[in-house]
N, C-alpha and C. Protein backbone atom coordinates (compact mmCIF):
# COMPACT_ATOMS: atom_id res chain seq x y z
N GLU A 1 118.59 114.17 91.74
CA GLU A 1 117.97 113.04 91.05
C GLU A 1 116.52 113.37 90.71
N ILE A 2 115.99 112.65 89.71
CA ILE A 2 114.61 112.86 89.27
C ILE A 2 113.81 111.59 89.54
N ASP A 3 112.65 111.74 90.18
CA ASP A 3 111.84 110.56 90.50
C ASP A 3 110.88 110.24 89.35
N ALA A 4 110.08 109.19 89.54
CA ALA A 4 109.19 108.72 88.48
C ALA A 4 108.09 109.71 88.15
N GLU A 5 107.79 110.63 89.04
CA GLU A 5 106.77 111.65 88.79
C GLU A 5 107.34 112.90 88.14
N GLY A 6 108.67 112.90 87.92
CA GLY A 6 109.30 114.06 87.30
C GLY A 6 109.78 115.11 88.26
N LYS A 7 109.69 114.85 89.56
CA LYS A 7 110.18 115.81 90.54
C LYS A 7 111.70 115.71 90.67
N LEU A 8 112.33 116.85 90.84
CA LEU A 8 113.76 116.92 91.05
C LEU A 8 114.06 116.94 92.54
N TRP A 9 115.01 116.09 92.98
CA TRP A 9 115.40 116.03 94.38
C TRP A 9 116.84 116.47 94.50
N VAL A 10 117.09 117.38 95.45
CA VAL A 10 118.44 117.92 95.64
C VAL A 10 118.83 117.83 97.11
N ALA A 11 120.15 117.73 97.34
CA ALA A 11 120.70 117.67 98.69
C ALA A 11 121.29 119.03 99.05
N GLY A 12 120.96 119.53 100.24
CA GLY A 12 121.36 120.87 100.67
C GLY A 12 122.68 120.92 101.40
N MET A 13 123.50 119.95 101.27
CA MET A 13 124.86 119.85 101.80
C MET A 13 125.01 120.52 103.16
N HIS A 14 125.72 121.65 103.25
CA HIS A 14 126.02 122.26 104.55
C HIS A 14 124.81 122.96 105.17
N GLN A 15 123.72 123.11 104.41
CA GLN A 15 122.52 123.72 104.98
C GLN A 15 121.64 122.70 105.71
N GLY A 16 121.94 121.40 105.56
CA GLY A 16 121.25 120.38 106.33
C GLY A 16 119.80 120.15 105.94
N TYR A 17 119.54 119.97 104.64
CA TYR A 17 118.19 119.67 104.20
C TYR A 17 118.24 118.89 102.89
N VAL A 18 117.09 118.33 102.52
CA VAL A 18 116.86 117.90 101.15
C VAL A 18 115.61 118.63 100.67
N ALA A 19 115.47 118.75 99.34
CA ALA A 19 114.32 119.46 98.81
C ALA A 19 113.86 118.80 97.53
N SER A 20 112.57 118.94 97.26
CA SER A 20 112.01 118.50 95.99
C SER A 20 111.49 119.72 95.24
N PHE A 21 111.58 119.64 93.92
CA PHE A 21 111.04 120.70 93.05
C PHE A 21 110.09 120.06 92.07
N ASP A 22 108.85 120.54 92.06
CA ASP A 22 107.82 120.03 91.16
C ASP A 22 107.72 120.97 89.96
N PRO A 23 108.16 120.52 88.77
CA PRO A 23 108.10 121.42 87.61
C PRO A 23 106.68 121.74 87.16
N LYS A 24 105.70 120.94 87.57
CA LYS A 24 104.32 121.23 87.19
C LYS A 24 103.79 122.44 87.95
N THR A 25 104.09 122.50 89.24
CA THR A 25 103.61 123.61 90.06
C THR A 25 104.66 124.68 90.26
N GLU A 26 105.90 124.37 89.87
CA GLU A 26 107.05 125.26 90.07
C GLU A 26 107.23 125.60 91.55
N GLN A 27 106.99 124.60 92.39
CA GLN A 27 107.10 124.78 93.84
C GLN A 27 108.18 123.88 94.42
N PHE A 28 108.94 124.43 95.38
CA PHE A 28 109.88 123.65 96.17
C PHE A 28 109.21 123.19 97.46
N ARG A 29 109.64 122.02 97.93
CA ARG A 29 109.32 121.61 99.29
C ARG A 29 110.63 121.24 99.96
N VAL A 30 110.90 121.85 101.11
CA VAL A 30 112.17 121.66 101.81
C VAL A 30 111.93 120.78 103.04
N TYR A 31 112.82 119.78 103.20
CA TYR A 31 112.76 118.87 104.33
C TYR A 31 114.03 119.05 105.16
N PRO A 32 113.99 119.82 106.25
CA PRO A 32 115.20 120.00 107.05
C PRO A 32 115.48 118.79 107.93
N LEU A 33 116.76 118.54 108.19
CA LEU A 33 117.13 117.51 109.15
C LEU A 33 116.67 117.93 110.54
N PRO A 34 116.35 116.98 111.42
CA PRO A 34 116.04 117.34 112.80
C PRO A 34 117.17 118.14 113.42
N ALA A 35 116.85 119.06 114.30
CA ALA A 35 117.84 119.98 114.86
C ALA A 35 119.01 119.26 115.51
N GLU A 36 118.74 118.12 116.16
CA GLU A 36 119.81 117.42 116.86
C GLU A 36 120.82 116.78 115.91
N TRP A 37 120.46 116.61 114.64
CA TRP A 37 121.39 116.06 113.64
C TRP A 37 121.92 117.14 112.70
N ASN A 38 121.35 118.32 112.78
CA ASN A 38 121.77 119.41 111.91
C ASN A 38 122.80 120.28 112.64
N THR A 39 123.98 119.70 112.81
CA THR A 39 125.04 120.36 113.58
C THR A 39 126.04 121.03 112.64
N ASP A 40 127.12 121.55 113.21
CA ASP A 40 128.13 122.19 112.37
C ASP A 40 128.91 121.18 111.54
N LYS A 41 128.68 119.88 111.77
CA LYS A 41 129.32 118.84 110.97
C LYS A 41 128.44 118.34 109.83
N VAL A 42 127.25 118.87 109.69
CA VAL A 42 126.31 118.35 108.70
C VAL A 42 126.87 118.54 107.28
N ARG A 43 126.67 117.51 106.45
CA ARG A 43 127.05 117.58 105.03
C ARG A 43 126.16 116.58 104.28
N VAL A 44 125.00 117.06 103.88
CA VAL A 44 124.04 116.21 103.18
C VAL A 44 124.44 116.18 101.72
N THR A 45 125.10 115.10 101.30
CA THR A 45 125.72 115.07 99.99
C THR A 45 124.99 114.22 98.96
N MET A 46 124.28 113.19 99.39
CA MET A 46 123.65 112.29 98.42
C MET A 46 122.28 111.85 98.92
N LEU A 47 121.45 111.50 97.95
CA LEU A 47 120.12 110.99 98.26
C LEU A 47 119.71 110.04 97.14
N THR A 48 118.68 109.26 97.40
CA THR A 48 118.09 108.40 96.38
C THR A 48 116.66 108.86 96.17
N ALA A 49 116.33 109.25 94.95
CA ALA A 49 114.96 109.72 94.66
C ALA A 49 113.96 108.61 94.96
N PRO A 50 112.79 108.95 95.48
CA PRO A 50 111.79 107.92 95.80
C PRO A 50 111.42 107.09 94.59
N ARG A 51 111.28 105.78 94.80
CA ARG A 51 110.82 104.90 93.74
C ARG A 51 109.31 105.05 93.55
N PRO A 52 108.75 104.57 92.44
CA PRO A 52 107.31 104.69 92.22
C PRO A 52 106.51 104.10 93.39
N ASN A 53 105.56 104.88 93.89
CA ASN A 53 104.66 104.50 94.98
C ASN A 53 105.36 104.34 96.33
N ALA A 54 106.63 104.70 96.41
CA ALA A 54 107.34 104.59 97.69
C ALA A 54 106.98 105.76 98.60
N LYS A 55 107.04 105.50 99.90
CA LYS A 55 106.76 106.55 100.88
C LYS A 55 108.02 107.05 101.57
N THR A 56 109.16 106.40 101.27
CA THR A 56 110.40 106.79 101.93
C THR A 56 111.51 106.95 100.90
N MET A 57 112.59 107.58 101.34
CA MET A 57 113.79 107.73 100.52
C MET A 57 115.00 107.73 101.45
N TRP A 58 116.18 107.52 100.86
CA TRP A 58 117.42 107.45 101.64
C TRP A 58 118.27 108.71 101.43
N ILE A 59 118.96 109.10 102.50
CA ILE A 59 119.79 110.31 102.49
C ILE A 59 121.11 109.99 103.19
N LEU A 60 122.21 110.54 102.68
CA LEU A 60 123.52 110.40 103.32
C LEU A 60 123.93 111.73 103.92
N ASN A 61 124.13 111.75 105.24
CA ASN A 61 124.77 112.88 105.92
C ASN A 61 126.24 112.51 106.06
N GLN A 62 127.02 112.87 105.05
CA GLN A 62 128.40 112.42 104.98
C GLN A 62 129.29 113.07 106.04
N GLY A 63 128.86 114.18 106.57
CA GLY A 63 129.67 114.84 107.59
C GLY A 63 129.90 113.98 108.81
N VAL A 64 128.91 113.13 109.15
CA VAL A 64 129.04 112.25 110.31
C VAL A 64 128.79 110.79 109.93
N ASN A 65 128.65 110.53 108.61
CA ASN A 65 128.44 109.16 108.10
C ASN A 65 127.17 108.51 108.62
N ASP A 66 126.12 109.32 108.73
CA ASP A 66 124.80 108.80 109.06
C ASP A 66 124.01 108.54 107.78
N ILE A 67 123.22 107.47 107.79
CA ILE A 67 122.22 107.22 106.76
C ILE A 67 120.86 107.55 107.36
N LEU A 68 120.08 108.33 106.64
CA LEU A 68 118.75 108.71 107.10
C LEU A 68 117.70 108.16 106.14
N ARG A 69 116.62 107.66 106.73
CA ARG A 69 115.47 107.26 105.92
C ARG A 69 114.34 108.24 106.22
N MET A 70 113.84 108.88 105.16
CA MET A 70 112.86 109.94 105.35
C MET A 70 111.51 109.55 104.76
N ASN A 71 110.46 109.82 105.52
CA ASN A 71 109.09 109.68 105.02
C ASN A 71 108.78 110.92 104.19
N ILE A 72 108.53 110.75 102.89
CA ILE A 72 108.38 111.90 102.01
C ILE A 72 107.04 112.61 102.20
N GLU A 73 106.10 111.99 102.93
CA GLU A 73 104.82 112.65 103.20
C GLU A 73 104.92 113.55 104.43
N THR A 74 105.59 113.04 105.48
CA THR A 74 105.64 113.78 106.73
C THR A 74 106.98 114.49 106.96
N GLY A 75 108.04 114.04 106.27
CA GLY A 75 109.36 114.59 106.52
C GLY A 75 110.07 113.97 107.71
N ALA A 76 109.41 113.04 108.41
CA ALA A 76 110.03 112.39 109.56
C ALA A 76 111.22 111.55 109.11
N MET A 77 112.29 111.54 109.92
CA MET A 77 113.51 110.83 109.56
C MET A 77 113.94 109.89 110.68
N GLU A 78 114.51 108.76 110.29
CA GLU A 78 115.15 107.86 111.24
C GLU A 78 116.61 107.68 110.84
N ARG A 79 117.47 107.46 111.83
CA ARG A 79 118.90 107.47 111.59
C ARG A 79 119.49 106.07 111.75
N PHE A 80 120.45 105.76 110.86
CA PHE A 80 121.24 104.53 110.93
C PHE A 80 122.72 104.92 110.90
N GLN A 81 123.55 104.14 111.59
CA GLN A 81 124.98 104.42 111.66
C GLN A 81 125.76 103.17 111.23
N PRO A 82 125.84 102.95 109.91
CA PRO A 82 126.38 101.69 109.37
C PRO A 82 127.83 101.42 109.73
N LEU A 83 128.66 102.44 109.86
CA LEU A 83 130.08 102.21 110.09
C LEU A 83 130.36 101.56 111.43
N LYS A 84 129.43 101.64 112.36
CA LYS A 84 129.63 101.03 113.67
C LYS A 84 129.69 99.51 113.61
N SER A 85 129.20 98.93 112.51
CA SER A 85 129.21 97.47 112.39
C SER A 85 130.47 96.94 111.70
N LEU A 86 131.38 97.83 111.30
CA LEU A 86 132.65 97.40 110.72
C LEU A 86 133.66 97.06 111.81
N PRO A 87 134.68 96.24 111.48
CA PRO A 87 135.74 95.97 112.46
C PRO A 87 136.43 97.26 112.88
N PRO A 88 137.06 97.27 114.05
CA PRO A 88 137.77 98.49 114.50
C PRO A 88 138.83 98.90 113.49
N GLY A 89 139.05 100.19 113.40
CA GLY A 89 140.03 100.73 112.47
C GLY A 89 139.52 102.02 111.88
N GLY A 90 140.28 102.59 111.00
CA GLY A 90 139.83 103.82 110.37
C GLY A 90 141.00 104.65 109.92
N PRO A 91 140.72 105.86 109.43
CA PRO A 91 139.40 106.48 109.30
C PRO A 91 138.56 105.82 108.22
N ARG A 92 137.24 106.06 108.30
CA ARG A 92 136.31 105.48 107.34
C ARG A 92 135.27 106.51 106.93
N ALA A 93 134.68 106.30 105.76
CA ALA A 93 133.67 107.24 105.26
C ALA A 93 132.74 106.53 104.29
N ILE A 94 131.44 106.78 104.40
CA ILE A 94 130.47 106.30 103.43
C ILE A 94 130.48 107.25 102.25
N TYR A 95 130.41 106.69 101.04
CA TYR A 95 130.45 107.55 99.85
C TYR A 95 129.22 107.34 98.95
N GLY A 96 129.19 106.28 98.17
CA GLY A 96 128.07 106.06 97.27
C GLY A 96 126.93 105.32 97.95
N ILE A 97 125.69 105.62 97.53
CA ILE A 97 124.52 104.90 98.02
C ILE A 97 123.60 104.60 96.84
N GLU A 98 122.96 103.42 96.89
CA GLU A 98 122.08 102.98 95.79
C GLU A 98 121.12 101.91 96.32
N PRO A 99 119.80 102.08 96.13
CA PRO A 99 118.85 101.07 96.62
C PRO A 99 118.59 99.97 95.61
N ASP A 100 118.04 98.85 96.09
CA ASP A 100 117.56 97.81 95.20
C ASP A 100 116.03 97.90 95.11
N ASP A 101 115.40 96.93 94.46
CA ASP A 101 113.95 96.98 94.26
C ASP A 101 113.17 96.82 95.55
N ASP A 102 113.78 96.24 96.57
CA ASP A 102 113.13 96.08 97.88
C ASP A 102 113.47 97.22 98.83
N ASP A 103 114.15 98.24 98.31
CA ASP A 103 114.54 99.44 99.05
C ASP A 103 115.65 99.18 100.07
N ASN A 104 116.30 98.00 100.01
CA ASN A 104 117.53 97.83 100.77
C ASN A 104 118.57 98.80 100.20
N LEU A 105 119.40 99.35 101.06
CA LEU A 105 120.35 100.36 100.60
C LEU A 105 121.76 99.77 100.56
N TYR A 106 122.38 99.85 99.39
CA TYR A 106 123.77 99.43 99.22
C TYR A 106 124.66 100.67 99.25
N MET A 107 125.87 100.50 99.76
CA MET A 107 126.75 101.65 99.93
C MET A 107 128.20 101.23 99.84
N THR A 108 129.08 102.20 99.63
CA THR A 108 130.51 101.96 99.62
C THR A 108 131.15 102.68 100.80
N GLU A 109 132.18 102.05 101.33
CA GLU A 109 133.01 102.69 102.37
C GLU A 109 134.29 103.11 101.68
N PHE A 110 134.51 104.40 101.59
CA PHE A 110 135.48 104.97 100.66
C PHE A 110 136.94 104.84 101.11
N LEU A 111 137.24 104.91 102.37
CA LEU A 111 138.63 105.05 102.80
C LEU A 111 139.33 103.72 103.06
N THR A 112 138.63 102.60 102.85
CA THR A 112 139.30 101.30 102.89
C THR A 112 138.81 100.46 101.70
N HIS A 113 137.92 99.48 101.93
CA HIS A 113 137.63 98.55 100.84
C HIS A 113 136.34 97.76 101.08
N TYR A 114 135.28 98.43 101.48
CA TYR A 114 134.05 97.70 101.81
C TYR A 114 132.86 98.14 100.96
N VAL A 115 131.98 97.15 100.69
CA VAL A 115 130.67 97.37 100.11
C VAL A 115 129.65 96.85 101.12
N GLY A 116 128.61 97.63 101.38
CA GLY A 116 127.67 97.23 102.43
C GLY A 116 126.23 97.27 102.00
N ARG A 117 125.38 96.58 102.80
CA ARG A 117 123.93 96.58 102.57
C ARG A 117 123.21 96.84 103.88
N LEU A 118 122.32 97.82 103.85
CA LEU A 118 121.44 98.11 104.98
C LEU A 118 120.08 97.51 104.67
N ASP A 119 119.66 96.55 105.47
CA ASP A 119 118.39 95.86 105.26
C ASP A 119 117.25 96.81 105.62
N ALA A 120 116.39 97.11 104.65
CA ALA A 120 115.32 98.07 104.87
C ALA A 120 114.30 97.60 105.89
N ARG A 121 114.14 96.29 106.02
CA ARG A 121 113.13 95.75 106.94
C ARG A 121 113.65 95.63 108.36
N THR A 122 114.88 95.13 108.51
CA THR A 122 115.40 94.86 109.85
C THR A 122 116.36 95.92 110.36
N GLY A 123 116.92 96.73 109.46
CA GLY A 123 117.92 97.71 109.86
C GLY A 123 119.30 97.12 110.06
N GLU A 124 119.47 95.83 109.74
CA GLU A 124 120.77 95.18 109.93
C GLU A 124 121.73 95.55 108.79
N MET A 125 123.03 95.65 109.14
CA MET A 125 124.07 95.94 108.17
C MET A 125 124.90 94.70 107.91
N LYS A 126 125.33 94.57 106.65
CA LYS A 126 126.29 93.54 106.30
C LYS A 126 127.32 94.15 105.36
N TRP A 127 128.59 93.81 105.56
CA TRP A 127 129.68 94.37 104.76
C TRP A 127 130.46 93.26 104.08
N TRP A 128 130.96 93.57 102.89
CA TRP A 128 131.85 92.67 102.14
C TRP A 128 133.11 93.45 101.76
N ALA A 129 134.27 92.82 101.92
CA ALA A 129 135.53 93.46 101.53
C ALA A 129 135.80 93.19 100.05
N THR A 130 136.29 94.20 99.33
CA THR A 130 136.68 93.99 97.94
C THR A 130 137.93 93.12 97.89
N PRO A 131 138.13 92.37 96.78
CA PRO A 131 139.33 91.52 96.69
C PRO A 131 140.63 92.31 96.83
N THR A 132 140.66 93.53 96.33
CA THR A 132 141.84 94.38 96.46
C THR A 132 141.75 95.21 97.73
N LYS A 133 142.72 95.07 98.60
CA LYS A 133 142.73 95.85 99.83
C LYS A 133 142.95 97.32 99.52
N ASP A 134 142.30 98.19 100.32
CA ASP A 134 142.42 99.64 100.16
C ASP A 134 142.08 100.07 98.73
N SER A 135 141.00 99.54 98.21
CA SER A 135 140.57 99.86 96.84
C SER A 135 139.89 101.23 96.75
N TRP A 136 139.40 101.74 97.87
CA TRP A 136 138.72 103.03 97.94
C TRP A 136 137.53 103.08 96.97
N PRO A 137 136.53 102.25 97.19
CA PRO A 137 135.34 102.28 96.31
C PRO A 137 134.55 103.57 96.50
N ARG A 138 134.11 104.14 95.40
CA ARG A 138 133.40 105.41 95.47
C ARG A 138 131.93 105.24 95.07
N ARG A 139 131.54 105.67 93.89
CA ARG A 139 130.14 105.54 93.49
C ARG A 139 129.81 104.10 93.11
N LEU A 140 128.51 103.77 93.23
CA LEU A 140 128.02 102.48 92.74
C LEU A 140 126.68 102.69 92.06
N LYS A 141 126.43 101.85 91.04
CA LYS A 141 125.20 101.97 90.27
C LYS A 141 124.71 100.58 89.91
N ARG A 142 123.41 100.38 90.04
CA ARG A 142 122.78 99.07 89.81
C ARG A 142 122.43 98.91 88.34
N ASP A 143 122.65 97.70 87.79
CA ASP A 143 122.30 97.44 86.40
C ASP A 143 120.97 96.69 86.29
N ALA A 144 120.57 96.35 85.08
CA ALA A 144 119.28 95.71 84.85
C ALA A 144 119.19 94.31 85.44
N GLN A 145 120.33 93.66 85.67
CA GLN A 145 120.36 92.33 86.26
C GLN A 145 120.45 92.36 87.78
N GLY A 146 120.50 93.54 88.35
CA GLY A 146 120.58 93.65 89.81
C GLY A 146 121.98 93.67 90.36
N HIS A 147 123.00 93.67 89.48
CA HIS A 147 124.39 93.79 89.94
C HIS A 147 124.70 95.25 90.24
N PHE A 148 125.65 95.44 91.14
CA PHE A 148 126.11 96.79 91.44
C PHE A 148 127.52 96.97 90.88
N TRP A 149 127.70 98.04 90.09
CA TRP A 149 129.00 98.36 89.50
C TRP A 149 129.63 99.50 90.27
N ILE A 150 130.91 99.35 90.59
CA ILE A 150 131.57 100.24 91.55
C ILE A 150 132.90 100.70 90.98
N GLY A 151 133.15 101.99 91.06
CA GLY A 151 134.46 102.51 90.72
C GLY A 151 135.42 102.38 91.89
N GLU A 152 136.49 101.63 91.69
CA GLU A 152 137.49 101.46 92.75
C GLU A 152 138.62 102.46 92.48
N TRP A 153 138.47 103.61 93.08
CA TRP A 153 139.27 104.78 92.74
C TRP A 153 140.77 104.57 92.99
N HIS A 154 141.13 104.01 94.11
CA HIS A 154 142.53 103.85 94.47
C HIS A 154 143.15 102.62 93.79
N ALA A 155 142.35 101.62 93.51
CA ALA A 155 142.86 100.38 92.94
C ALA A 155 143.04 100.45 91.43
N GLY A 156 142.43 101.43 90.77
CA GLY A 156 142.48 101.47 89.31
C GLY A 156 141.67 100.36 88.68
N LYS A 157 140.53 100.03 89.29
CA LYS A 157 139.71 98.92 88.82
C LYS A 157 138.24 99.30 88.90
N VAL A 158 137.42 98.47 88.26
CA VAL A 158 135.97 98.53 88.42
C VAL A 158 135.53 97.20 89.01
N ALA A 159 134.61 97.24 89.95
CA ALA A 159 134.13 96.02 90.60
C ALA A 159 132.66 95.79 90.31
N ARG A 160 132.28 94.52 90.25
CA ARG A 160 130.86 94.12 90.12
C ARG A 160 130.49 93.33 91.36
N PHE A 161 129.44 93.77 92.04
CA PHE A 161 128.95 93.04 93.21
C PHE A 161 127.62 92.38 92.87
N ASP A 162 127.54 91.07 93.07
CA ASP A 162 126.33 90.30 92.82
C ASP A 162 125.66 90.01 94.17
N PRO A 163 124.54 90.65 94.49
CA PRO A 163 123.90 90.44 95.79
C PRO A 163 123.42 89.01 96.01
N LYS A 164 123.11 88.28 94.92
CA LYS A 164 122.61 86.92 95.08
C LYS A 164 123.71 85.98 95.54
N THR A 165 124.88 86.10 94.95
CA THR A 165 125.99 85.22 95.31
C THR A 165 126.92 85.85 96.35
N GLU A 166 126.74 87.15 96.56
CA GLU A 166 127.59 87.93 97.47
C GLU A 166 129.06 87.89 97.04
N GLN A 167 129.27 87.85 95.73
CA GLN A 167 130.61 87.82 95.16
C GLN A 167 130.96 89.16 94.53
N ILE A 168 132.22 89.57 94.71
CA ILE A 168 132.74 90.78 94.09
C ILE A 168 133.78 90.37 93.05
N THR A 169 133.57 90.82 91.81
CA THR A 169 134.49 90.54 90.71
C THR A 169 135.11 91.85 90.26
N GLU A 170 136.43 91.87 90.10
CA GLU A 170 137.13 93.10 89.71
C GLU A 170 137.62 93.03 88.27
N PHE A 171 137.64 94.18 87.61
CA PHE A 171 138.11 94.32 86.24
C PHE A 171 139.18 95.41 86.23
N ASP A 172 140.36 95.07 85.72
CA ASP A 172 141.47 96.02 85.70
C ASP A 172 141.29 97.04 84.57
N ILE A 173 141.60 98.29 84.86
CA ILE A 173 141.69 99.33 83.84
C ILE A 173 143.15 99.37 83.36
N PRO A 174 143.41 99.25 82.06
CA PRO A 174 144.80 99.11 81.59
C PRO A 174 145.74 100.24 81.97
N THR A 175 145.29 101.49 81.86
CA THR A 175 146.16 102.62 82.19
C THR A 175 146.29 102.74 83.70
N PRO A 176 147.52 102.74 84.24
CA PRO A 176 147.70 102.82 85.69
C PRO A 176 147.15 104.12 86.27
N PHE A 177 146.76 104.05 87.55
CA PHE A 177 146.31 105.22 88.30
C PHE A 177 145.14 105.93 87.61
N SER A 178 144.21 105.14 87.09
CA SER A 178 143.11 105.72 86.32
C SER A 178 142.13 106.50 87.19
N GLY A 179 141.97 106.11 88.45
CA GLY A 179 141.05 106.83 89.32
C GLY A 179 139.60 106.66 88.92
N ALA A 180 139.14 105.41 88.78
CA ALA A 180 137.74 105.15 88.40
C ALA A 180 136.81 105.63 89.52
N TYR A 181 135.93 106.54 89.18
CA TYR A 181 135.04 107.16 90.17
C TYR A 181 133.66 106.53 90.17
N ASP A 182 133.14 106.27 88.99
CA ASP A 182 131.79 105.74 88.83
C ASP A 182 131.83 104.67 87.75
N ALA A 183 130.83 103.82 87.69
CA ALA A 183 130.75 102.80 86.65
C ALA A 183 129.28 102.53 86.36
N VAL A 184 128.92 102.57 85.07
CA VAL A 184 127.52 102.46 84.67
C VAL A 184 127.39 101.48 83.51
N ALA A 185 126.43 100.58 83.60
CA ALA A 185 126.17 99.62 82.51
C ALA A 185 125.21 100.24 81.50
N ASP A 186 125.48 100.01 80.21
CA ASP A 186 124.56 100.50 79.17
C ASP A 186 123.56 99.41 78.81
N ARG A 187 122.72 99.68 77.82
CA ARG A 187 121.64 98.74 77.49
C ARG A 187 122.14 97.44 76.86
N THR A 188 123.39 97.41 76.40
CA THR A 188 123.96 96.20 75.82
C THR A 188 124.72 95.37 76.86
N GLY A 189 124.83 95.88 78.07
CA GLY A 189 125.56 95.17 79.11
C GLY A 189 127.01 95.58 79.26
N LYS A 190 127.49 96.46 78.37
CA LYS A 190 128.85 96.98 78.52
C LYS A 190 128.87 97.99 79.67
N VAL A 191 130.01 98.12 80.30
CA VAL A 191 130.14 98.99 81.46
C VAL A 191 131.15 100.09 81.15
N TRP A 192 130.80 101.31 81.51
CA TRP A 192 131.62 102.48 81.20
C TRP A 192 132.09 103.16 82.48
N THR A 193 133.33 103.64 82.45
CA THR A 193 133.86 104.41 83.57
C THR A 193 134.80 105.48 83.03
N GLY A 194 135.00 106.53 83.79
CA GLY A 194 135.92 107.60 83.40
C GLY A 194 137.11 107.64 84.33
N GLY A 195 138.28 107.92 83.76
CA GLY A 195 139.49 108.03 84.56
C GLY A 195 139.70 109.46 85.04
N MET A 196 139.54 109.69 86.33
CA MET A 196 139.72 111.04 86.86
C MET A 196 141.13 111.56 86.61
N SER A 197 142.11 110.66 86.56
CA SER A 197 143.51 111.08 86.50
C SER A 197 144.16 110.87 85.14
N THR A 198 143.45 110.25 84.18
CA THR A 198 144.11 109.83 82.94
C THR A 198 143.48 110.37 81.67
N ASP A 199 142.39 111.14 81.78
CA ASP A 199 141.72 111.71 80.61
C ASP A 199 141.21 110.64 79.66
N ARG A 200 140.83 109.48 80.20
CA ARG A 200 140.36 108.38 79.37
C ARG A 200 139.01 107.86 79.84
N ILE A 201 138.20 107.46 78.87
CA ILE A 201 136.97 106.71 79.13
C ILE A 201 137.27 105.25 78.85
N ALA A 202 136.81 104.36 79.72
CA ALA A 202 137.03 102.92 79.53
C ALA A 202 135.70 102.20 79.36
N ARG A 203 135.65 101.27 78.40
CA ARG A 203 134.48 100.41 78.18
C ARG A 203 134.87 98.98 78.49
N ILE A 204 134.10 98.35 79.37
CA ILE A 204 134.39 97.00 79.83
C ILE A 204 133.34 96.05 79.29
N ASP A 205 133.78 94.93 78.74
CA ASP A 205 132.88 93.84 78.35
C ASP A 205 132.96 92.80 79.48
N PRO A 206 131.94 92.70 80.32
CA PRO A 206 132.01 91.77 81.46
C PRO A 206 132.13 90.30 81.06
N THR A 207 131.67 89.96 79.86
CA THR A 207 131.71 88.57 79.42
C THR A 207 133.12 88.16 79.00
N THR A 208 133.76 88.98 78.19
CA THR A 208 135.10 88.65 77.69
C THR A 208 136.21 89.25 78.53
N ARG A 209 135.86 90.21 79.39
CA ARG A 209 136.80 90.97 80.22
C ARG A 209 137.68 91.90 79.38
N ASP A 210 137.32 92.11 78.12
CA ASP A 210 138.06 93.07 77.30
C ASP A 210 137.76 94.49 77.76
N VAL A 211 138.78 95.33 77.78
CA VAL A 211 138.63 96.74 78.15
C VAL A 211 139.22 97.60 77.04
N VAL A 212 138.43 98.54 76.54
CA VAL A 212 138.89 99.48 75.53
C VAL A 212 138.89 100.87 76.15
N GLU A 213 140.00 101.61 75.98
CA GLU A 213 140.09 102.97 76.50
C GLU A 213 140.07 103.97 75.35
N TYR A 214 139.43 105.12 75.61
CA TYR A 214 139.34 106.18 74.63
C TYR A 214 139.91 107.46 75.24
N LEU A 215 140.94 107.99 74.61
CA LEU A 215 141.59 109.21 75.10
C LEU A 215 140.75 110.43 74.73
N MET A 216 140.47 111.27 75.71
CA MET A 216 139.71 112.48 75.47
C MET A 216 140.55 113.51 74.73
N PRO A 217 139.93 114.41 73.98
CA PRO A 217 140.70 115.38 73.19
C PRO A 217 141.30 116.51 74.03
N ALA A 218 140.90 116.63 75.29
CA ALA A 218 141.44 117.69 76.14
C ALA A 218 141.53 117.17 77.57
N SER A 219 142.31 117.87 78.37
CA SER A 219 142.46 117.49 79.78
C SER A 219 141.12 117.61 80.51
N THR A 220 140.82 116.59 81.30
CA THR A 220 139.53 116.55 82.00
C THR A 220 139.73 116.04 83.43
N ASN A 221 138.65 116.03 84.17
CA ASN A 221 138.57 115.36 85.46
C ASN A 221 137.25 114.63 85.49
N MET A 222 137.19 113.49 84.80
CA MET A 222 135.93 112.79 84.61
C MET A 222 135.51 112.05 85.87
N ARG A 223 134.25 112.23 86.22
CA ARG A 223 133.71 111.54 87.38
C ARG A 223 132.49 110.71 87.00
N ARG A 224 131.50 111.34 86.41
CA ARG A 224 130.27 110.60 86.09
C ARG A 224 129.96 110.76 84.60
């Protein structure tokens, strides 16, 4: 991801670090995970680039489903374990992460059907179940109105989560088994998603609930 200053932020996956690259100085800065969390299970897969004037950023260690908050000046990290607040059951896995303007972190639980929020101030977690059981929500992306759009990979749907009302609304993709991975709103308010399994792009009108699909000219595996 690229932050407001133009720095590129990357996740070091099995190497257990995140790094920034400053194109002005052509210098990298590497932030390793603390040794006690950098085990043979480490898999740093996602991060959120720092917001303007922010001193912290969020990181997902997907290997053990830890969320880390890192001070970008010192590299110090604190750990959160959101899955512990879910009802018993499993297996479970955190997948997508996305902050709001107050730096609260929203996330998806991929192997069942939950959307969650980690309160940046208190550290408390809250989870909401999607209307469709075992929807397998993957990536989520925030729009200009503050809604979060989510690809429900197993359900063949796209979901909209409204943090103000705490309501989740689902939109069906017409072609079965579409495998919606991500969902992004454009400047007109239309929402786009790609079918990992169907070679189709879908455009959703949230107001009318109309969905138009476009067949790609060649076989693909569309994700983002």
